[in-house]
Amino acid sequence: MSSYSSGHWRRKACLIIGLVLLLTGCQPTGCQPQHQPRFGSDRFPLNPKDIFDISPATPVPVRQFEQLSVSETDLAFASALKTPPGYRRVRTLQIADGVIYRQFERGGSHTTPDPRYTLRVLLIHPRAFTRLHVLFSDTWDQPLYTQTVLNRPGVQALMSWCFFGRIPAGDMIGWRCRQRGASCVPGIYYEASRRTGKNIHQRYTLALNHPGQVRMFRGGLGKDSRRWYRMAMGGGMILFDQTLAPSLYYAVGRPNYNRLFSSKVFNHADIVKKGQAGDPQRAAPRSAAGTLPGGSLVFANLGEGQYRFRGGATPAYMAWLMKQMGLNRALLFDGGGAPQMILKTPQGRQLVRTYPENTQTSNYLYNYAFLTLQRP
C-alpha cells in the first residue's frame, strides 16, 4: 500500500473516531460522558456558585424584624396552631400577608436551641395559596440545586418535599425545571409510576384546587384520575386524616398506631418496611404537611440532616406532634438527609435555614422537588 493510501485511511479513521467521540460526548481518555452525574460514591459535578455554607445550624438573629408583631388579621388563624406539649414557642414571625413562621424548641435554651429537635412550621392562610409553586425535575441527571432555586427572582422560601429516588416518586403539578433550576416552564408531571417503577397509586398526594382548597387523597394525577389541580405534590404517606382515615386519626399517641400506620390499608408496604423511609422504628429528620380545620396549610420540618442518627422523629412521633398542633390531617414526606426549609424576609435577608446531612448520600446541595413561596 502506498504512503498516500496509508495516510489517507489513517486520516479518514481519525475523522470517524473524532465524530463518534463528539456525538457521544466522550473524551479519548476513559471515554466517560461529559457532565454525567454518578450516584453512589460520587456527587454531581459542582460549580463554586452551587456550594453554600453548611456550618452549624444556629438560628439567624432577627434583630429589628423580630419586633414586628403578627398583623391583627392573621392573629386568629395563627392562634389555631398550638404549641405541642414539652415544647416552647421561641419565635412567631410574619413572613408576609397570610404567611406565619413559628419555631418550637425542646431542650437547649432560648439562645442556644438544639437543631436536632427544633420544630419549624410555616403556616399559610388560604388567601396566600396563589403564592405557592412547586418546582420539580423529572429527569434524573437534572436535579435542582438549592442555591440556584433560592436565587430565582421572587423566591422568598423553599422547602423540599415528596419522596424520590433519582426523580420524585409521586405525581407533581408545577413548574418543570432544567439547568439546575434556573430555567423553568409550566408543566404537568403525570408519569411518576412509569418513570420510577414504583406504584405511586398506593401513596398520597397533597393538592390545591382552583377554588383554593386543600385536597389530600390516595393515588396520583394520571389521565384516569379525572382530577385537575393548580398545584400538587405526591408520594407521601398518610399520618392521619380525621375524615379519610378516622381510625388512624384516633390511634395517634396510642400503642396501636404503628400497626395501623404500617398496614397496607393505609400505607404502601415498600416504604414502611424496616430500613425504609417510613420504618415505624426509624427516628430521623422529617418533613410533613397538613391542614388546620379552618383550611390553612401547615408545612413542618423537624430536626436536621446532620443529626440524622441522633434526634428527629419516628412517624408516630411526627403524627403526634402534628395532631397536638391542632391539625386534622397530615402527610409525611421525605426524611433523613433531605428535608430543608429556607426562609427570607420580604427584604431578601435570610431568616431561617435548616441543614441537611453533609454526606455524599444525602441531598444537601440538590433535590428533585421544591415547594416555593413567591414574594407578592
Protein backbone atom coordinates (compact mmCIF):
# COMPACT_ATOMS: atom_id res chain seq x y z
CA MET A 1 0.00 0.00 0.00
CA SER A 2 1.37 3.44 -0.97
CA SER A 3 2.23 6.03 1.66
CA TYR A 4 -0.53 8.25 0.24
CA SER A 5 -3.12 5.48 0.58
CA SER A 6 -1.95 4.60 4.11
CA GLY A 7 -2.03 8.24 5.24
CA HIS A 8 -5.41 8.76 3.59
CA TRP A 9 -7.00 5.87 5.52
CA ARG A 10 -5.38 6.99 8.79
CA ARG A 11 -6.81 10.50 8.36
CA LYS A 12 -10.20 9.03 7.49
CA ALA A 13 -10.16 6.73 10.56
CA CYS A 14 -9.20 9.64 12.85
CA LEU A 15 -12.01 11.74 11.42
CA ILE A 16 -14.56 8.97 12.05
CA ILE A 17 -13.29 8.41 15.62
CA GLY A 18 -13.41 12.14 16.28
CA LEU A 19 -17.01 12.35 15.07
CA VAL A 20 -18.02 9.40 17.28
CA LEU A 21 -16.37 10.99 20.33
CA LEU A 22 -18.06 14.30 19.57
CA LEU A 23 -21.52 12.73 19.23
CA THR A 24 -21.19 10.64 22.39
CA GLY A 25 -19.65 13.43 24.46
CA CYS A 26 -16.67 11.21 25.36
CA GLN A 27 -13.08 12.10 25.95
CA PRO A 28 -10.39 9.85 24.42
CA THR A 29 -9.08 9.01 27.91
CA GLY A 30 -11.54 6.68 29.58
CA CYS A 31 -14.38 7.83 27.30
CA GLN A 32 -16.62 8.99 30.15
CA PRO A 33 -19.67 11.13 29.21
CA GLN A 34 -19.09 14.78 29.98
CA HIS A 35 -21.04 16.21 32.93
CA GLN A 36 -22.64 12.83 33.57
CA PRO A 37 -23.62 12.71 37.26
CA ARG A 38 -22.78 9.48 39.01
CA PHE A 39 -24.59 8.22 42.07
CA GLY A 40 -23.04 6.36 44.96
CA SER A 41 -19.57 7.46 45.97
CA ASP A 42 -19.51 10.49 43.63
CA ARG A 43 -21.61 13.63 43.70
CA PHE A 44 -22.90 15.72 40.86
CA PRO A 45 -20.22 17.97 39.34
CA LEU A 46 -20.33 21.30 41.15
CA ASN A 47 -19.56 24.88 40.32
CA PRO A 48 -18.31 27.14 43.12
CA LYS A 49 -21.58 29.11 42.98
CA ASP A 50 -23.53 25.90 43.75
CA ILE A 51 -21.83 25.43 47.11
CA PHE A 52 -23.33 27.05 50.17
CA ASP A 53 -22.25 27.17 53.77
CA ILE A 54 -23.11 24.11 55.88
CA SER A 55 -21.82 25.43 59.18
CA PRO A 56 -23.61 24.60 62.45
CA ALA A 57 -27.28 25.50 62.24
CA THR A 58 -27.54 28.29 64.79
CA PRO A 59 -30.76 30.27 64.19
CA VAL A 60 -30.08 33.59 62.49
CA PRO A 61 -30.62 36.60 64.78
CA VAL A 62 -33.64 38.54 63.60
CA ARG A 63 -32.88 41.88 65.28
CA GLN A 64 -35.41 44.56 64.35
CA PHE A 65 -37.51 42.18 62.24
CA GLU A 66 -38.17 40.14 65.39
CA GLN A 67 -40.04 43.11 66.87
CA LEU A 68 -42.67 43.14 64.12
CA SER A 69 -45.85 41.69 65.52
CA VAL A 70 -48.28 39.48 63.65
CA SER A 71 -50.95 41.58 61.97
CA GLU A 72 -54.39 41.64 63.54
CA THR A 73 -55.92 39.96 60.51
CA ASP A 74 -53.60 36.96 61.00
CA LEU A 75 -53.81 36.67 64.77
CA ALA A 76 -56.90 34.44 64.72
CA PHE A 77 -55.65 31.89 62.23
CA ALA A 78 -52.13 31.91 63.73
CA SER A 79 -53.51 31.18 67.21
CA ALA A 80 -55.12 28.00 65.87
CA LEU A 81 -51.65 26.44 65.72
CA LYS A 82 -50.96 25.15 69.22
CA THR A 83 -47.63 24.58 70.96
CA PRO A 84 -47.02 20.79 71.36
CA PRO A 85 -46.62 19.53 74.95
CA GLY A 86 -42.98 19.55 76.04
CA TYR A 87 -42.08 22.31 73.56
CA ARG A 88 -41.87 26.05 73.92
CA ARG A 89 -42.54 28.60 71.22
CA VAL A 90 -39.49 30.75 70.66
CA ARG A 91 -40.39 32.62 67.50
CA THR A 92 -43.53 33.85 65.77
CA LEU A 93 -42.72 35.88 62.67
CA GLN A 94 -44.88 37.31 59.93
CA ILE A 95 -43.15 36.37 56.67
CA ALA A 96 -45.80 38.01 54.51
CA ASP A 97 -49.53 38.68 54.48
CA GLY A 98 -51.17 35.38 55.36
CA VAL A 99 -47.84 33.60 55.99
CA ILE A 100 -46.62 32.97 59.55
CA TYR A 101 -43.46 31.20 60.71
CA ARG A 102 -43.40 29.55 64.12
CA GLN A 103 -40.46 27.83 65.78
CA PHE A 104 -40.78 25.41 68.68
CA GLU A 105 -37.95 24.10 70.82
CA ARG A 106 -37.42 21.15 73.12
CA GLY A 107 -34.26 21.16 75.21
CA GLY A 108 -31.48 23.68 74.85
CA SER A 109 -32.35 27.26 75.71
CA HIS A 110 -33.87 30.31 74.09
CA THR A 111 -30.45 31.48 72.99
CA THR A 112 -28.92 28.10 72.08
CA PRO A 113 -31.67 25.76 70.84
CA ASP A 114 -30.82 22.23 69.75
CA PRO A 115 -31.32 21.88 65.96
CA ARG A 116 -31.73 18.12 66.34
CA TYR A 117 -35.16 18.68 67.88
CA THR A 118 -36.17 22.07 66.51
CA LEU A 119 -39.67 22.08 65.04
CA ARG A 120 -40.09 24.70 62.32
CA VAL A 121 -43.57 25.41 61.00
CA LEU A 122 -44.80 27.54 58.12
CA LEU A 123 -48.50 28.38 58.38
CA ILE A 124 -50.21 29.63 55.21
CA HIS A 125 -53.68 31.13 55.07
CA PRO A 126 -55.83 30.27 52.01
CA ARG A 127 -55.56 33.84 50.73
CA ALA A 128 -51.82 33.27 50.24
CA PHE A 129 -52.13 29.94 48.38
CA THR A 130 -51.61 31.58 44.99
CA ARG A 131 -48.04 32.34 46.05
CA LEU A 132 -47.16 28.64 46.39
CA HIS A 133 -45.42 26.96 43.47
CA VAL A 134 -43.93 23.51 43.00
CA LEU A 135 -40.66 23.32 41.10
CA PHE A 136 -39.50 19.89 40.01
CA SER A 137 -37.24 17.96 37.69
CA ASP A 138 -38.44 14.69 36.20
CA THR A 139 -35.05 13.77 34.73
CA TRP A 140 -32.50 12.02 36.93
CA ASP A 141 -29.48 13.89 35.55
CA GLN A 142 -31.09 17.34 36.00
CA PRO A 143 -31.51 17.90 39.76
CA LEU A 144 -32.49 21.26 41.18
CA TYR A 145 -29.65 22.94 43.06
CA THR A 146 -30.84 24.52 46.28
CA GLN A 147 -28.93 27.75 45.86
CA THR A 148 -29.98 28.17 42.24
CA VAL A 149 -33.65 27.81 43.14
CA LEU A 150 -33.27 30.11 46.14
CA ASN A 151 -31.71 32.77 43.89
CA ARG A 152 -34.58 32.70 41.41
CA PRO A 153 -36.33 36.09 41.21
CA GLY A 154 -39.25 36.29 43.63
CA VAL A 155 -38.46 33.19 45.69
CA GLN A 156 -38.89 34.00 49.39
CA ALA A 157 -38.91 30.49 50.81
CA LEU A 158 -38.32 26.91 49.75
CA MET A 159 -38.94 23.50 51.25
CA SER A 160 -38.02 20.08 49.93
CA TRP A 161 -40.95 17.70 49.51
CA CYS A 162 -42.13 14.35 48.17
CA PHE A 163 -40.21 11.09 48.13
CA PHE A 164 -37.71 10.45 45.40
CA GLY A 165 -35.06 8.10 44.18
CA ARG A 166 -33.44 9.78 41.22
CA ILE A 167 -36.66 11.66 40.44
CA PRO A 168 -39.80 12.34 42.50
CA ALA A 169 -41.73 9.20 43.42
CA GLY A 170 -45.08 10.92 43.17
CA ASP A 171 -47.13 12.89 40.66
CA MET A 172 -46.46 16.62 40.58
CA ILE A 173 -48.14 19.71 39.15
CA GLY A 174 -45.98 22.77 38.97
CA TRP A 175 -43.02 24.11 37.02
CA ARG A 176 -40.73 21.64 35.25
CA CYS A 177 -37.15 22.86 35.57
CA ARG A 178 -33.82 22.38 33.85
CA GLN A 179 -30.32 23.82 34.24
CA ARG A 180 -30.17 23.27 37.99
CA GLY A 181 -33.49 25.05 38.47
CA ALA A 182 -32.54 28.21 36.59
CA SER A 183 -34.86 27.55 33.65
CA CYS A 184 -38.44 26.54 34.49
CA VAL A 185 -41.62 26.33 32.43
CA PRO A 186 -45.17 25.33 33.41
CA GLY A 187 -45.51 21.57 33.20
CA ILE A 188 -47.55 18.66 34.50
CA TYR A 189 -45.78 15.53 35.71
CA TYR A 190 -48.14 12.61 35.31
CA GLU A 191 -45.82 9.67 34.91
CA ALA A 192 -44.19 9.05 38.29
CA SER A 193 -45.23 5.40 38.33
CA ARG A 194 -43.70 4.62 34.95
CA ARG A 195 -40.61 6.77 35.45
CA THR A 196 -39.75 5.50 38.91
CA GLY A 197 -41.03 1.93 38.64
CA LYS A 198 -42.96 2.46 41.87
CA ASN A 199 -46.66 2.08 42.46
CA ILE A 200 -47.45 5.67 43.34
CA HIS A 201 -51.16 4.91 43.40
CA GLN A 202 -50.65 3.48 46.88
CA ARG A 203 -49.11 6.74 48.04
CA TYR A 204 -50.75 10.07 48.80
CA THR A 205 -50.95 13.45 47.13
CA LEU A 206 -51.44 16.93 48.57
CA ALA A 207 -53.02 19.34 46.10
CA LEU A 208 -54.61 22.75 45.81
CA ASN A 209 -57.63 23.02 43.56
CA HIS A 210 -58.58 26.08 41.54
CA PRO A 211 -61.03 27.45 44.15
CA GLY A 212 -58.05 27.47 46.55
CA GLN A 213 -58.93 24.49 48.73
CA VAL A 214 -56.55 21.84 50.07
CA ARG A 215 -57.14 18.27 48.95
CA MET A 216 -55.42 15.12 50.22
CA PHE A 217 -56.08 11.81 48.52
CA ARG A 218 -54.58 8.44 47.78
CA GLY A 219 -53.20 7.96 44.31
CA GLY A 220 -51.69 10.04 41.54
CA LEU A 221 -52.81 12.52 38.93
CA GLY A 222 -52.89 10.36 35.82
CA LYS A 223 -55.33 10.85 32.97
CA ASP A 224 -57.73 8.36 34.51
CA SER A 225 -57.92 10.22 37.82
CA ARG A 226 -60.37 12.80 36.43
CA ARG A 227 -58.71 15.38 38.66
CA TRP A 228 -57.38 18.80 37.80
CA TYR A 229 -55.45 20.93 40.26
CA ARG A 230 -53.43 24.13 40.29
CA MET A 231 -50.62 22.58 42.33
CA ALA A 232 -49.85 19.09 43.60
CA MET A 233 -47.10 17.17 45.40
CA GLY A 234 -47.30 13.39 45.51
CA GLY A 235 -45.51 10.46 47.05
CA GLY A 236 -46.32 10.98 50.73
CA MET A 237 -47.51 8.64 53.46
CA ILE A 238 -50.62 9.32 55.46
CA LEU A 239 -50.05 10.12 59.14
CA PHE A 240 -53.71 10.69 59.91
CA ASP A 241 -56.88 12.17 58.45
CA GLN A 242 -59.96 12.80 60.55
CA THR A 243 -62.26 12.21 57.56
CA LEU A 244 -60.35 9.89 55.21
CA ALA A 245 -58.86 7.64 57.91
CA PRO A 246 -60.60 8.26 61.26
CA SER A 247 -59.24 5.09 62.88
CA LEU A 248 -55.69 6.26 62.19
CA TYR A 249 -56.54 9.73 63.47
CA TYR A 250 -57.84 8.42 66.80
CA ALA A 251 -54.89 5.99 67.14
CA VAL A 252 -52.32 8.82 67.20
CA GLY A 253 -50.45 8.67 70.50
CA ARG A 254 -51.74 5.17 71.29
CA PRO A 255 -49.92 1.79 71.22
CA ASN A 256 -51.79 0.55 68.14
CA TYR A 257 -50.73 3.47 65.93
CA ASN A 258 -47.65 1.78 64.41
CA ARG A 259 -49.65 -1.31 63.48
CA LEU A 260 -52.26 0.78 61.67
CA PHE A 261 -49.70 3.10 60.06
CA SER A 262 -47.80 0.09 58.68
CA SER A 263 -50.94 -1.67 57.46
CA LYS A 264 -51.44 -1.85 53.70
CA VAL A 265 -54.90 -0.46 54.39
CA PHE A 266 -53.22 2.93 54.88
CA ASN A 267 -49.67 2.94 53.50
CA HIS A 268 -47.60 1.29 50.80
CA ALA A 269 -45.71 -1.71 52.21
CA ASP A 270 -42.49 -0.88 50.32
CA ILE A 271 -41.88 2.35 52.21
CA VAL A 272 -42.98 1.31 55.71
CA LYS A 273 -40.89 -1.84 55.98
CA LYS A 274 -37.72 -1.96 58.07
CA GLY A 275 -34.94 0.29 56.88
CA GLN A 276 -37.15 2.34 54.58
CA ALA A 277 -38.29 5.95 54.91
CA GLY A 278 -41.50 5.03 56.72
CA ASP A 279 -39.99 2.45 59.05
CA PRO A 280 -42.04 2.97 62.26
CA GLN A 281 -38.91 2.41 64.39
CA ARG A 282 -36.73 4.86 62.48
CA ALA A 283 -36.13 8.27 64.04
CA ALA A 284 -34.87 10.84 61.55
CA PRO A 285 -35.30 14.45 60.49
CA ARG A 286 -38.76 14.74 58.98
CA SER A 287 -40.89 16.94 56.76
CA ALA A 288 -44.67 16.83 56.82
CA ALA A 289 -47.67 18.78 55.59
CA GLY A 290 -51.24 19.06 56.75
CA THR A 291 -54.24 21.29 57.34
CA LEU A 292 -55.95 23.04 60.20
CA PRO A 293 -59.75 22.77 60.46
CA GLY A 294 -60.10 26.30 59.07
CA GLY A 295 -58.39 25.30 55.80
CA SER A 296 -54.91 26.76 56.39
CA LEU A 297 -51.89 24.79 55.20
CA VAL A 298 -49.16 23.74 57.60
CA PHE A 299 -45.66 22.74 56.49
CA ALA A 300 -43.42 21.34 59.21
CA ASN A 301 -39.74 20.46 59.40
CA LEU A 302 -38.30 18.65 62.42
CA GLY A 303 -34.60 18.18 63.07
CA GLU A 304 -31.72 18.49 60.66
CA GLY A 305 -29.94 16.02 58.43
CA GLN A 306 -26.52 16.45 60.01
CA TYR A 307 -28.04 14.84 63.11
CA ARG A 308 -29.81 12.07 61.19
CA PHE A 309 -28.72 9.35 63.62
CA ARG A 310 -29.28 11.49 66.71
CA GLY A 311 -32.62 13.22 67.04
CA GLY A 312 -35.51 13.70 64.69
CA ALA A 313 -38.74 11.74 64.98
CA THR A 314 -40.38 8.42 64.17
CA PRO A 315 -43.53 8.60 62.03
CA ALA A 316 -45.63 8.04 65.16
CA TYR A 317 -43.97 10.92 66.97
CA MET A 318 -44.33 13.20 63.95
CA ALA A 319 -48.02 12.28 63.79
CA TRP A 320 -48.38 13.10 67.49
CA LEU A 321 -46.74 16.50 67.04
CA MET A 322 -48.91 17.39 64.06
CA LYS A 323 -52.08 16.40 65.88
CA GLN A 324 -51.03 18.25 69.03
CA MET A 325 -50.58 21.38 66.95
CA GLY A 326 -54.27 21.11 66.05
CA LEU A 327 -54.15 19.60 62.55
CA ASN A 328 -57.00 17.44 61.31
CA ARG A 329 -54.98 15.74 58.54
CA ALA A 330 -51.30 15.25 57.81
CA LEU A 331 -48.98 13.55 55.31
CA LEU A 332 -45.38 12.51 55.88
CA PHE A 333 -42.95 13.47 53.14
CA ASP A 334 -39.20 13.00 52.74
CA GLY A 335 -36.89 12.42 55.70
CA GLY A 336 -33.31 11.54 56.54
CA GLY A 337 -30.79 13.80 54.84
CA ALA A 338 -33.24 15.53 52.51
CA PRO A 339 -35.59 17.88 54.44
CA GLN A 340 -34.87 21.55 54.02
CA MET A 341 -36.60 24.79 55.00
CA ILE A 342 -35.17 28.14 53.97
CA LEU A 343 -36.98 31.44 54.57
CA LYS A 344 -36.14 35.03 53.72
CA THR A 345 -37.54 38.30 54.95
CA PRO A 346 -39.50 40.40 52.43
CA GLN A 347 -36.30 42.42 52.04
CA GLY A 348 -34.35 39.31 50.99
CA ARG A 349 -32.44 38.70 54.22
CA GLN A 350 -32.08 35.03 55.13
CA LEU A 351 -34.13 34.31 58.22
CA VAL A 352 -34.20 30.53 58.61
CA ARG A 353 -32.09 27.79 57.06
CA THR A 354 -32.00 24.15 58.02
CA TYR A 355 -29.04 21.98 57.13
CA PRO A 356 -29.39 18.53 55.56
CA GLU A 357 -26.70 15.99 56.27
CA ASN A 358 -23.35 16.79 54.69
CA THR A 359 -22.63 13.42 53.08
CA GLN A 360 -22.45 12.09 49.56
CA THR A 361 -25.63 10.06 50.02
CA SER A 362 -27.92 12.88 51.11
CA ASN A 363 -29.26 15.90 49.32
CA TYR A 364 -27.55 18.82 50.94
CA LEU A 365 -26.81 20.59 47.64
CA TYR A 366 -29.63 19.48 45.37
CA ASN A 367 -33.07 17.92 45.30
CA TYR A 368 -35.67 16.97 42.73
CA ALA A 369 -38.72 18.83 44.03
CA PHE A 370 -39.14 22.06 45.97
CA LEU A 371 -42.16 23.89 47.24
CA THR A 372 -41.50 27.61 46.91
CA LEU A 373 -43.19 30.67 48.32
CA GLN A 374 -43.13 33.63 45.95
CA ARG A 375 -42.96 37.24 47.04
CA PRO A 376 -46.09 39.34 46.39
